[in-house]
C-alpha atoms as a PDB file:
ATOM      1  CA  MET A   1     119.180 135.550 102.977  1.00  0.00           C
ATOM      2  CA  ALA A   2     118.778 137.036 106.195  1.00  0.00           C
ATOM      3  CA  ALA A   3     115.569 136.406 108.241  1.00  0.00           C
ATOM      4  CA  ILE A   4     112.902 139.323 108.126  1.00  0.00           C
ATOM      5  CA  LEU A   5     112.522 139.331 111.909  1.00  0.00           C
ATOM      6  CA  PRO A   6     112.671 142.239 114.703  1.00  0.00           C
ATOM      7  CA  ALA A   7     116.275 143.035 115.553  1.00  0.00           C
ATOM      8  CA  ARG A   8     115.970 141.162 119.010  1.00  0.00           C
ATOM      9  CA  SER A   9     114.306 138.124 117.249  1.00  0.00           C
ATOM     10  CA  GLN A  10     117.390 138.367 114.691  1.00  0.00           C
ATOM     11  CA  ARG A  11     119.671 138.157 117.598  1.00  0.00           C
ATOM     12  CA  ARG A  12     117.848 135.158 118.968  1.00  0.00           C
ATOM     13  CA  ALA A  13     117.943 133.477 115.825  1.00  0.00           C
ATOM     14  CA  SER A  14     121.492 134.047 115.299  1.00  0.00           C
ATOM     15  CA  ALA A  15     122.552 132.618 118.596  1.00  0.00           C
ATOM     16  CA  LEU A  16     120.759 129.571 118.089  1.00  0.00           C
ATOM     17  CA  ALA A  17     122.411 129.016 114.526  1.00  0.00           C
ATOM     18  CA  PRO A  18     124.599 126.067 114.253  1.00  0.00           C
ATOM     19  CA  ALA A  19     128.250 126.558 113.291  1.00  0.00           C
ATOM     20  CA  GLU A  20     128.325 123.824 110.918  1.00  0.00           C
ATOM     21  CA  GLU A  21     125.281 122.036 108.919  1.00  0.00           C
ATOM     22  CA  PRO A  22     125.262 118.613 108.548  1.00  0.00           C
ATOM     23  CA  ARG A  23     125.187 116.392 105.364  1.00  0.00           C
ATOM     24  CA  MET A  24     121.441 115.571 105.975  1.00  0.00           C
ATOM     25  CA  ARG A  25     119.333 118.925 105.406  1.00  0.00           C
ATOM     26  CA  PHE A  26     116.467 119.093 107.831  1.00  0.00           C
ATOM     27  CA  LEU A  27     113.408 121.069 107.002  1.00  0.00           C
ATOM     28  CA  LEU A  28     111.485 122.433 109.797  1.00  0.00           C
ATOM     29  CA  GLY A  29     107.933 121.535 109.960  1.00  0.00           C
ATOM     30  CA  THR A  30     105.377 124.167 110.983  1.00  0.00           C
ATOM     31  CA  HIS A  31     101.693 125.121 110.713  1.00  0.00           C
ATOM     32  CA  GLU A  32     102.608 128.529 111.090  1.00  0.00           C
ATOM     33  CA  THR A  33     102.288 129.569 107.371  1.00  0.00           C
ATOM     34  CA  SER A  34     103.573 133.147 107.994  1.00  0.00           C
ATOM     35  CA  TRP A  35     107.025 131.586 108.788  1.00  0.00           C
ATOM     36  CA  LEU A  36     107.666 131.170 105.256  1.00  0.00           C
ATOM     37  CA  ALA A  37     108.038 135.126 105.074  1.00  0.00           C
ATOM     38  CA  LYS A  38     110.225 135.500 108.275  1.00  0.00           C
ATOM     39  CA  VAL A  39     112.900 132.733 108.659  1.00  0.00           C
ATOM     40  CA  ASP A  40     115.960 131.635 106.746  1.00  0.00           C
ATOM     41  CA  VAL A  41     115.852 127.785 107.429  1.00  0.00           C
ATOM     42  CA  PRO A  42     114.324 125.422 105.157  1.00  0.00           C
ATOM     43  CA  LEU A  43     110.859 124.544 106.187  1.00  0.00           C
ATOM     44  CA  PHE A  44     108.287 121.787 105.496  1.00  0.00           C
ATOM     45  CA  VAL A  45     104.668 123.074 105.226  1.00  0.00           C
ATOM     46  CA  SER A  46     101.277 121.369 104.808  1.00  0.00           C
ATOM     47  CA  HIS A  47      98.826 121.861 101.952  1.00  0.00           C
ATOM     48  CA  ARG A  48      96.139 121.775 104.297  1.00  0.00           C
ATOM     49  CA  ARG A  49      97.353 124.836 105.900  1.00  0.00           C
ATOM     50  CA  LEU A  50      98.244 126.788 102.970  1.00  0.00           C
ATOM     51  CA  ARG A  51      95.019 126.180 101.249  1.00  0.00           C
ATOM     52  CA  GLU A  52      93.192 128.086 103.995  1.00  0.00           C
ATOM     53  CA  ARG A  53      95.040 131.454 103.209  1.00  0.00           C
ATOM     54  CA  ALA A  54      93.493 133.778 100.551  1.00  0.00           C
ATOM     55  CA  ARG A  55      96.702 135.622 100.336  1.00  0.00           C
ATOM     56  CA  LEU A  56      99.894 133.510 100.505  1.00  0.00           C
ATOM     57  CA  PRO A  57     103.306 134.731 101.883  1.00  0.00           C
ATOM     58  CA  VAL A  58     106.270 135.597  99.912  1.00  0.00           C
ATOM     59  CA  ALA A  59     109.161 133.074 101.011  1.00  0.00           C
ATOM     60  CA  VAL A  60     112.571 134.245 102.154  1.00  0.00           C
ATOM     61  CA  CYS A  61     113.431 130.506 102.689  1.00  0.00           C
ATOM     62  CA  ASP A  62     113.439 127.140 100.739  1.00  0.00           C
ATOM     63  CA  TRP A  63     110.588 124.808 101.570  1.00  0.00           C
ATOM     64  CA  ALA A  64     108.847 121.647 100.483  1.00  0.00           C
ATOM     65  CA  LEU A  65     105.007 120.870 100.557  1.00  0.00           C
ATOM     66  CA  ASP A  66     103.359 118.148 102.505  1.00  0.00           C
ATOM     67  CA  SER A  67     100.171 116.915 100.844  1.00  0.00           C
ATOM     68  CA  GLY A  68      98.619 116.059 104.066  1.00  0.00           C
ATOM     69  CA  GLY A  69      97.856 112.689 103.065  1.00  0.00           C
ATOM     70  CA  PHE A  70      98.001 111.068 106.497  1.00  0.00           C
ATOM     71  CA  THR A  71      95.448 113.528 107.863  1.00  0.00           C
ATOM     72  CA  GLU A  72      93.371 113.123 104.955  1.00  0.00           C
ATOM     73  CA  LEU A  73      93.334 109.396 104.787  1.00  0.00           C
ATOM     74  CA  ASN A  74      92.698 108.896 108.547  1.00  0.00           C
ATOM     75  CA  LEU A  75      89.858 111.508 108.515  1.00  0.00           C
ATOM     76  CA  TYR A  76      87.928 110.214 105.501  1.00  0.00           C
ATOM     77  CA  GLY A  77      89.214 106.838 104.536  1.00  0.00           C
ATOM     78  CA  GLY A  78      90.570 108.106 101.149  1.00  0.00           C
ATOM     79  CA  TRP A  79      91.458 111.292  99.235  1.00  0.00           C
ATOM     80  CA  ARG A  80      88.714 113.795  98.752  1.00  0.00           C
ATOM     81  CA  THR A  81      90.816 116.365  97.438  1.00  0.00           C
ATOM     82  CA  SER A  82      91.134 115.778  93.690  1.00  0.00           C
ATOM     83  CA  VAL A  83      94.184 115.513  91.648  1.00  0.00           C
ATOM     84  CA  SER A  84      93.175 118.686  89.630  1.00  0.00           C
ATOM     85  CA  GLU A  85      92.692 120.495  92.842  1.00  0.00           C
ATOM     86  CA  TYR A  86      96.013 119.774  94.412  1.00  0.00           C
ATOM     87  CA  VAL A  87      97.929 120.194  91.041  1.00  0.00           C
ATOM     88  CA  GLU A  88      96.217 123.793  90.887  1.00  0.00           C
ATOM     89  CA  ALA A  89      97.238 124.446  94.489  1.00  0.00           C
ATOM     90  CA  VAL A  90     100.795 123.472  93.824  1.00  0.00           C
ATOM     91  CA  GLN A  91     101.123 125.699  90.924  1.00  0.00           C
ATOM     92  CA  ARG A  92      99.722 128.725  92.907  1.00  0.00           C
ATOM     93  CA  TYR A  93     102.158 128.243  95.834  1.00  0.00           C
ATOM     94  CA  SER A  94     105.039 127.841  93.253  1.00  0.00           C
ATOM     95  CA  GLU A  95     104.258 130.939  91.469  1.00  0.00           C
ATOM     96  CA  GLU A  96     102.955 133.016  94.516  1.00  0.00           C
ATOM     97  CA  ILE A  97     105.036 131.932  97.505  1.00  0.00           C
ATOM     98  CA  GLY A  98     108.238 130.970  95.288  1.00  0.00           C
ATOM     99  CA  ARG A  99     111.260 129.050  96.317  1.00  0.00           C
ATOM    100  CA  LEU A 100     109.286 125.503  96.304  1.00  0.00           C
ATOM    101  CA  LEU A 101     112.010 122.776  96.345  1.00  0.00           C
ATOM    102  CA  TRP A 102     109.595 120.011  95.753  1.00  0.00           C
ATOM    103  CA  ALA A 103     105.896 118.831  96.704  1.00  0.00           C
ATOM    104  CA  ALA A 104     104.740 115.332  98.073  1.00  0.00           C
ATOM    105  CA  PRO A 105     102.261 113.546  95.970  1.00  0.00           C
ATOM    106  CA  MET A 106      99.093 112.307  97.140  1.00  0.00           C
ATOM    107  CA  ASP A 107     100.455 109.364  98.344  1.00  0.00           C
ATOM    108  CA  TRP A 108      98.745 106.637 100.470  1.00  0.00           C
ATOM    109  CA  VAL A 109     100.281 105.840 104.014  1.00  0.00           C
ATOM    110  CA  CYS A 110     100.566 102.461 104.973  1.00  0.00           C
ATOM    111  CA  GLU A 111     100.455 102.617 108.577  1.00  0.00           C
ATOM    112  CA  PRO A 112      97.825  99.822 110.240  1.00  0.00           C
ATOM    113  CA  SER A 113      95.669 102.531 111.734  1.00  0.00           C
ATOM    114  CA  THR A 114      95.479 104.197 108.038  1.00  0.00           C
ATOM    115  CA  LEU A 115      94.808 100.623 106.485  1.00  0.00           C
ATOM    116  CA  ALA A 116      91.997 100.018 108.874  1.00  0.00           C
ATOM    117  CA  GLU A 117      90.349 103.477 107.743  1.00  0.00           C
ATOM    118  CA  THR A 118      90.488 102.509 103.982  1.00  0.00           C
ATOM    119  CA  GLY A 119      90.007  98.994 104.147  1.00  0.00           C
ATOM    120  CA  LEU A 120      92.866  98.605 101.542  1.00  0.00           C
ATOM    121  CA  SER A 121      95.976  96.354 101.651  1.00  0.00           C
ATOM    122  CA  VAL A 122      99.446  97.649 101.602  1.00  0.00           C
ATOM    123  CA  ARG A 123      99.862  96.662  97.855  1.00  0.00           C
ATOM    124  CA  GLU A 124      97.005  98.529  97.050  1.00  0.00           C
ATOM    125  CA  HIS A 125      98.316 101.762  98.746  1.00  0.00           C
ATOM    126  CA  GLN A 126     101.370 101.314  97.116  1.00  0.00           C
ATOM    127  CA  GLN A 127     100.053 100.920  93.618  1.00  0.00           C
ATOM    128  CA  ARG A 128      97.945 104.043  94.125  1.00  0.00           C
ATOM    129  CA  THR A 129     100.834 106.110  95.323  1.00  0.00           C
ATOM    130  CA  VAL A 130     102.744 105.150  92.106  1.00  0.00           C
ATOM    131  CA  ALA A 131      99.794 105.775  90.053  1.00  0.00           C
ATOM    132  CA  ASN A 132      99.407 109.212  91.484  1.00  0.00           C
ATOM    133  CA  TYR A 133     102.956 110.187  91.102  1.00  0.00           C
ATOM    134  CA  LEU A 134     102.765 109.180  87.408  1.00  0.00           C
ATOM    135  CA  GLU A 135      99.864 111.473  87.001  1.00  0.00           C
ATOM    136  CA  LEU A 136     101.310 114.229  88.949  1.00  0.00           C
ATOM    137  CA  ARG A 137     104.861 114.436  87.772  1.00  0.00           C
ATOM    138  CA  LEU A 138     103.761 115.972  84.340  1.00  0.00           C
ATOM    139  CA  HIS A 139     102.453 119.147  86.445  1.00  0.00           C
ATOM    140  CA  GLY A 140     105.011 120.182  89.048  1.00  0.00           C
ATOM    141  CA  PRO A 141     108.124 119.552  91.236  1.00  0.00           C
ATOM    142  CA  PHE A 142     106.549 116.481  92.518  1.00  0.00           C
ATOM    143  CA  ILE A 143     108.639 113.553  94.011  1.00  0.00           C
ATOM    144  CA  PRO A 144     108.081 109.940  94.005  1.00  0.00           C
ATOM    145  CA  VAL A 145     107.322 108.547  97.523  1.00  0.00           C
ATOM    146  CA  LEU A 146     107.979 104.904  98.998  1.00  0.00           C
ATOM    147  CA  GLN A 147     105.442 103.543 101.082  1.00  0.00           C
ATOM    148  CA  GLY A 148     105.228 100.199 102.767  1.00  0.00           C
ATOM    149  CA  TRP A 149     105.503  98.475 106.162  1.00  0.00           C
ATOM    150  CA  THR A 150     108.036  95.782 106.068  1.00  0.00           C
ATOM    151  CA  PRO A 151     111.385  95.924 104.484  1.00  0.00           C
ATOM    152  CA  GLN A 152     110.034  93.556 101.514  1.00  0.00           C
ATOM    153  CA  ASP A 153     107.134  96.021 101.182  1.00  0.00           C
ATOM    154  CA  TYR A 154     109.608  98.842 100.412  1.00  0.00           C
ATOM    155  CA  LEU A 155     111.356  96.792  97.954  1.00  0.00           C
ATOM    156  CA  GLY A 156     108.153  95.827  96.357  1.00  0.00           C
ATOM    157  CA  CYS A 157     107.432  99.828  96.056  1.00  0.00           C
ATOM    158  CA  ILE A 158     110.829 100.179  94.345  1.00  0.00           C
ATOM    159  CA  GLU A 159     110.037  97.541  91.854  1.00  0.00           C
ATOM    160  CA  LEU A 160     106.396  99.056  91.107  1.00  0.00           C
ATOM    161  CA  TYR A 161     108.237 102.358  90.163  1.00  0.00           C
ATOM    162  CA  GLN A 162     110.818 100.535  87.959  1.00  0.00           C
ATOM    163  CA  SER A 163     108.040  98.537  86.043  1.00  0.00           C
ATOM    164  CA  ALA A 164     106.338 101.977  85.330  1.00  0.00           C
ATOM    165  CA  GLY A 165     109.654 103.131  83.977  1.00  0.00           C
ATOM    166  CA  VAL A 166     110.600 105.453  86.838  1.00  0.00           C
ATOM    167  CA  SER A 167     114.332 105.415  87.862  1.00  0.00           C
ATOM    168  CA  LEU A 168     114.449 106.394  91.331  1.00  0.00           C
ATOM    169  CA  THR A 169     118.263 106.488  91.444  1.00  0.00           C
ATOM    170  CA  ASP A 170     118.111 109.465  89.123  1.00  0.00           C
ATOM    171  CA  MET A 171     115.974 111.332  91.283  1.00  0.00           C
ATOM    172  CA  PRO A 172     117.298 114.009  93.527  1.00  0.00           C
ATOM    173  CA  VAL A 173     115.157 112.908  96.486  1.00  0.00           C
ATOM    174  CA  VAL A 174     112.663 110.111  97.085  1.00  0.00           C
ATOM    175  CA  GLY A 175     110.324 110.380  99.976  1.00  0.00           C
ATOM    176  CA  VAL A 176     110.072 107.457 102.426  1.00  0.00           C
ATOM    177  CA  GLY A 177     106.797 107.270 104.341  1.00  0.00           C
ATOM    178  CA  SER A 178     105.199 105.291 106.995  1.00  0.00           C
ATOM    179  CA  ILE A 179     108.038 105.644 109.459  1.00  0.00           C
ATOM    180  CA  CYS A 180     107.076 108.632 111.597  1.00  0.00           C
ATOM    181  CA  HIS A 181     105.572 106.488 114.350  1.00  0.00           C
ATOM    182  CA  ARG A 182     108.157 103.959 114.694  1.00  0.00           C
ATOM    183  CA  GLN A 183     111.329 105.641 113.699  1.00  0.00           C
ATOM    184  CA  ASN A 184     113.550 104.506 116.370  1.00  0.00           C
ATOM    185  CA  THR A 185     113.259 100.734 115.573  1.00  0.00           C
ATOM    186  CA  VAL A 186     115.674  98.390 114.113  1.00  0.00           C
ATOM    187  CA  GLU A 187     113.270  97.726 111.215  1.00  0.00           C
ATOM    188  CA  VAL A 188     113.398 101.188 109.959  1.00  0.00           C
ATOM    189  CA  ALA A 189     117.074 101.500 110.287  1.00  0.00           C
ATOM    190  CA  ARG A 190     117.261  98.154 107.903  1.00  0.00           C
ATOM    191  CA  ILE A 191     114.507  99.938 105.546  1.00  0.00           C
ATOM    192  CA  MET A 192     116.776 102.786 105.094  1.00  0.00           C
ATOM    193  CA  GLN A 193     119.794 100.893 104.626  1.00  0.00           C
ATOM    194  CA  MET A 194     118.269  98.832 102.224  1.00  0.00           C
ATOM    195  CA  ILE A 195     116.935 101.793 100.139  1.00  0.00           C
ATOM    196  CA  GLN A 196     120.482 103.554 100.340  1.00  0.00           C
ATOM    197  CA  ARG A 197     122.282 100.191  99.011  1.00  0.00           C
ATOM    198  CA  ALA A 198     119.718 100.641  95.847  1.00  0.00           C
ATOM    199  CA  GLY A 199     121.543 104.045  95.179  1.00  0.00           C
ATOM    200  CA  ILE A 200     118.226 105.924  96.009  1.00  0.00           C
ATOM    201  CA  ARG A 201     118.621 109.488  97.828  1.00  0.00           C
ATOM    202  CA  THR A 202     115.732 109.513 100.358  1.00  0.00           C
ATOM    203  CA  HIS A 203     113.712 112.200 102.239  1.00  0.00           C
ATOM    204  CA  GLY A 204     112.434 110.805 105.750  1.00  0.00           C
ATOM    205  CA  PHE A 205     109.070 112.162 106.689  1.00  0.00           C
ATOM    206  CA  GLY A 206     108.590 112.905 110.207  1.00  0.00           C
ATOM    207  CA  VAL A 207     112.086 112.007 111.266  1.00  0.00           C
ATOM    208  CA  LYS A 208     112.646 113.268 114.834  1.00  0.00           C
ATOM    209  CA  LYS A 209     115.794 113.165 117.049  1.00  0.00           C
ATOM    210  CA  THR A 210     115.727 109.369 117.626  1.00  0.00           C
ATOM    211  CA  GLY A 211     115.368 108.638 114.064  1.00  0.00           C
ATOM    212  CA  VAL A 212     118.200 111.142 113.103  1.00  0.00           C
ATOM    213  CA  ALA A 213     120.561 109.209 116.023  1.00  0.00           C
ATOM    214  CA  HIS A 214     119.585 105.716 114.287  1.00  0.00           C
ATOM    215  CA  TYR A 215     119.965 106.456 110.793  1.00  0.00           C
ATOM    216  CA  GLY A 216     120.240 110.402 109.908  1.00  0.00           C
ATOM    217  CA  GLY A 217     123.659 109.572 108.056  1.00  0.00           C
ATOM    218  CA  LEU A 218     121.617 107.762 105.626  1.00  0.00           C
ATOM    219  CA  LEU A 219     119.105 110.514 104.753  1.00  0.00           C
ATOM    220  CA  THR A 220     119.678 113.330 102.114  1.00  0.00           C
ATOM    221  CA  SER A 221     116.688 115.161 103.915  1.00  0.00           C
ATOM    222  CA  ALA A 222     114.223 114.960 106.607  1.00  0.00           C
ATOM    223  CA  ASP A 223     111.461 116.678 108.264  1.00  0.00           C
ATOM    224  CA  SER A 224     109.653 117.013 111.416  1.00  0.00           C
ATOM    225  CA  MET A 225     107.457 119.348 113.585  1.00  0.00           C
ATOM    226  CA  ALA A 226     107.759 117.298 116.767  1.00  0.00           C
ATOM    227  CA  TRP A 227     108.972 120.428 118.380  1.00  0.00           C
ATOM    228  CA  SER A 228     105.201 121.756 118.795  1.00  0.00           C
ATOM    229  CA  TYR A 229     104.085 118.615 120.403  1.00  0.00           C
ATOM    230  CA  SER A 230     106.898 118.746 123.056  1.00  0.00           C
ATOM    231  CA  ALA A 231     106.442 122.231 123.432  1.00  0.00           C
ATOM    232  CA  ARG A 232     102.658 121.778 124.292  1.00  0.00           C
ATOM    233  CA  TYR A 233     103.529 119.773 127.250  1.00  0.00           C
ATOM    234  CA  SER A 234     106.741 121.621 128.453  1.00  0.00           C
ATOM    235  CA  PRO A 235     107.192 125.084 130.297  1.00  0.00           C
ATOM    236  CA  PRO A 236     107.410 128.121 128.247  1.00  0.00           C
ATOM    237  CA  LEU A 237     111.115 128.913 127.394  1.00  0.00           C
ATOM    238  CA  PRO A 238     112.704 131.680 129.829  1.00  0.00           C
ATOM    239  CA  GLY A 239     111.475 135.094 128.565  1.00  0.00           C
ATOM    240  CA  CYS A 240     108.481 133.743 126.801  1.00  0.00           C
ATOM    241  CA  THR A 241     104.965 135.250 127.968  1.00  0.00           C
ATOM    242  CA  HIS A 242     102.870 132.804 126.155  1.00  0.00           C
ATOM    243  CA  LYS A 243     101.133 129.626 128.200  1.00  0.00           C
ATOM    244  CA  HIS A 244     103.371 127.211 126.194  1.00  0.00           C
ATOM    245  CA  CYS A 245     105.645 127.428 123.232  1.00  0.00           C
ATOM    246  CA  SER A 246     103.899 125.305 120.752  1.00  0.00           C
ATOM    247  CA  ASN A 247     103.558 127.882 118.152  1.00  0.00           C
ATOM    248  CA  CYS A 248     106.844 129.704 119.288  1.00  0.00           C
ATOM    249  CA  LEU A 249     109.427 130.245 116.564  1.00  0.00           C
ATOM    250  CA  ARG A 250     112.248 130.707 119.025  1.00  0.00           C
ATOM    251  CA  TYR A 251     111.500 127.123 120.358  1.00  0.00           C
ATOM    252  CA  ALA A 252     111.131 125.717 117.184  1.00  0.00           C
ATOM    253  CA  LEU A 253     114.763 127.101 116.070  1.00  0.00           C
ATOM    254  CA  ASP A 254     116.245 125.960 119.252  1.00  0.00           C
ATOM    255  CA  TRP A 255     114.659 122.465 118.919  1.00  0.00           C
ATOM    256  CA  ARG A 256     116.128 122.356 115.267  1.00  0.00           C
ATOM    257  CA  ASN A 257     119.475 123.181 116.503  1.00  0.00           C
ATOM    258  CA  GLN A 258     119.377 120.356 119.060  1.00  0.00           C
ATOM    259  CA  LEU A 259     118.446 117.856 116.104  1.00  0.00           C
ATOM    260  CA  LEU A 260     121.055 119.083 114.009  1.00  0.00           C
ATOM    261  CA  ALA A 261     123.678 118.611 116.963  1.00  0.00           C
ATOM    262  CA  VAL A 262     122.440 114.990 116.921  1.00  0.00           C
ATOM    263  CA  ALA A 263     122.930 114.658 113.129  1.00  0.00           C
ATOM    264  CA  ARG A 264     126.518 116.081 113.323  1.00  0.00           C
END
C-alpha cells in the first residue's frame, strides 16, 4: 500500500527505500502515533503513547504494540495498568487502528536497574511474565516473551513456558527482552543462538545496528527507535528546518534503511 504523504515526502521516502528487504523484518519504533496513518513501513508503537489519544489513526501499515513495561516498572516498581485495562485498550487498537500484528504482554523486564526498582528476583519476574501471558492470550494477539539476564536464565524461562503447556516452537514469534542496553555483547549473541537452537522464532526488543550486525541473522523480527535519540544529538538533515530530527520521518526512514543495509 502506498504511503499517504505529500508528493515531495513520497519521493523522499521512495528514494530511501531499500532495493531488497533482509530476511529479518524490522519494525521502526516511533513515539509519533500519527505515522500509523502515513507510512508504509512496519512500525512499533507503545501503549503509553496510544492510550493518550481520544481519536486513533487508521493504519496504512502493519504494526506491533509495545506494552511500555520497561517504563512502567522503572517509574513505579510494578504494573499500575491492570490486565483488564490493557486488554480493553488492545482490543480497541485492533478494531479502530487495524493491521495489528501482535501485542507484547505485560512482561517483567530483568535488567538490573529494573530489579532494583521492584525488589524482586529474576525468577519472580519470569514467573510473573509467564503468568501474565497465560492470562492475556485468551483475549487478543499477544505474544509470549522470554525474560532473563544470563543464558541460563533464558533457558529457565523457556522451561517455565513448557511447564505451563505453552509450545514456543509453534509460535510465529516470541519476544526476547532485557537485551536493549547490552545488545552488542557476546553474551546476548550466545542467548540468541541458544534460543534459535531450541527452534524458537524470535523478535528482539530494542535491537539497534550493532545488535543487527552481531546476530540479526538469528532474528525473525526486531524493533528500535534509537534513531530518535541519535537525531537529538545530531545536526538536522540538509533541507530540514527544525532544530533537530528527533521527530522527523525523513530521518527515521533514512536510519531504518541504514539498519536494513547492515541486516543484508
